[in-house]
Amino acid sequence: MSQGYAYIKEGEALSRLNGSRAIDCTNESVLGDYYRDNRSELRGFAFSLTSNREVAEDLVQQAFTSAISTVRHGCEISDLSCWLHRVI
């Protein structure tokens, strides 16, 4: 550590910034609930990258489709918020 900055892993930093907590990503209905509760924030993040509302919405939908596919294939998503932000 230098100049008073603490090292935080990237996933931890996103979790802290978003105030997110671990959720059970193995249940698709939980993913649906998470989508409903967080899509506005994720759309805003995607819009900040693209400056296009339609493209931002498409990116968020594709990210959630990818999350569902990942879970169906038996892969674990330990921090959904971080994972989605990286996919977007």
Protein backbone atom coordinates (compact mmCIF):
# COMPACT_ATOMS: atom_id res chain seq x y z
CA MET A 1 0.00 0.00 0.00
CA SER A 2 1.19 3.44 -0.82
CA GLN A 3 -0.15 6.89 -0.05
CA GLY A 4 -2.97 5.48 2.09
CA TYR A 5 -4.67 3.48 -0.68
CA ALA A 6 -5.82 -0.02 0.16
CA TYR A 7 -5.63 -2.74 -2.47
CA ILE A 8 -9.09 -4.12 -3.25
CA LYS A 9 -9.78 -6.83 -5.79
CA GLU A 10 -11.82 -5.67 -8.79
CA GLY A 11 -14.86 -7.78 -7.85
CA GLU A 12 -14.83 -6.48 -4.30
CA ALA A 13 -14.62 -2.91 -5.53
CA LEU A 14 -17.67 -3.32 -7.77
CA SER A 15 -19.57 -5.08 -5.01
CA ARG A 16 -18.79 -2.28 -2.59
CA LEU A 17 -19.67 0.42 -5.08
CA ASN A 18 -22.95 -1.22 -6.00
CA GLY A 19 -23.80 -2.31 -2.47
CA SER A 20 -24.48 -5.76 -3.88
CA ARG A 21 -24.55 -8.97 -1.95
CA ALA A 22 -24.18 -12.57 -2.98
CA ILE A 23 -27.27 -14.15 -4.50
CA ASP A 24 -28.09 -17.67 -5.58
CA CYS A 25 -27.46 -17.56 -9.34
CA THR A 26 -28.33 -21.24 -9.78
CA ASN A 27 -32.03 -20.39 -9.70
CA GLU A 28 -33.25 -18.72 -12.91
CA SER A 29 -36.16 -17.04 -11.11
CA VAL A 30 -33.61 -15.32 -8.87
CA LEU A 31 -31.87 -14.06 -12.01
CA GLY A 32 -35.22 -12.75 -13.24
CA ASP A 33 -35.80 -10.94 -9.96
CA TYR A 34 -32.29 -9.49 -10.12
CA TYR A 35 -32.93 -8.32 -13.70
CA ARG A 36 -36.17 -6.61 -12.70
CA ASP A 37 -34.55 -4.94 -9.69
CA ASN A 38 -31.28 -3.84 -11.36
CA ARG A 39 -31.88 -3.36 -15.07
CA SER A 40 -32.19 0.44 -14.81
CA GLU A 41 -28.78 0.74 -13.17
CA LEU A 42 -27.24 -1.67 -15.67
CA ARG A 43 -28.86 0.19 -18.59
CA GLY A 44 -27.37 3.41 -17.23
CA PHE A 45 -23.95 1.77 -17.07
CA ALA A 46 -24.30 0.43 -20.63
CA PHE A 47 -25.54 3.83 -21.83
CA SER A 48 -22.47 5.48 -20.31
CA LEU A 49 -20.38 3.22 -22.56
CA THR A 50 -22.44 3.51 -25.76
CA SER A 51 -24.41 6.80 -25.61
CA ASN A 52 -27.24 4.90 -27.31
CA ARG A 53 -30.34 3.80 -25.39
CA GLU A 54 -31.30 0.96 -27.73
CA VAL A 55 -27.80 -0.49 -27.80
CA ALA A 56 -27.58 -0.16 -24.01
CA GLU A 57 -30.84 -2.11 -23.58
CA ASP A 58 -29.62 -4.78 -26.01
CA LEU A 59 -26.35 -5.14 -24.08
CA VAL A 60 -28.18 -5.61 -20.79
CA GLN A 61 -30.54 -8.20 -22.28
CA GLN A 62 -27.63 -10.05 -23.89
CA ALA A 63 -25.71 -10.01 -20.60
CA PHE A 64 -28.64 -11.60 -18.75
CA THR A 65 -29.17 -14.13 -21.53
CA SER A 66 -25.51 -15.03 -21.21
CA ALA A 67 -25.86 -15.34 -17.41
CA ILE A 68 -28.78 -17.75 -17.79
CA SER A 69 -26.82 -19.78 -20.34
CA THR A 70 -23.80 -19.87 -18.04
CA VAL A 71 -25.90 -21.13 -15.13
CA ARG A 72 -27.62 -23.74 -17.32
CA HIS A 73 -24.21 -25.08 -18.30
CA GLY A 74 -23.36 -25.59 -14.64
CA CYS A 75 -20.89 -22.74 -14.28
CA GLU A 76 -20.89 -20.65 -11.13
CA ILE A 77 -21.28 -16.88 -11.05
CA SER A 78 -19.96 -15.86 -7.65
CA ASP A 79 -20.66 -12.12 -7.96
CA LEU A 80 -23.48 -11.45 -10.41
CA SER A 81 -23.14 -7.66 -10.37
CA CYS A 82 -19.44 -7.79 -11.18
CA TRP A 83 -19.99 -10.50 -13.80
CA LEU A 84 -22.72 -8.53 -15.57
CA HIS A 85 -20.71 -5.30 -15.59
CA ARG A 86 -17.78 -7.13 -17.16
CA VAL A 87 -19.98 -8.78 -19.81
CA ILE A 88 -21.63 -5.45 -20.69
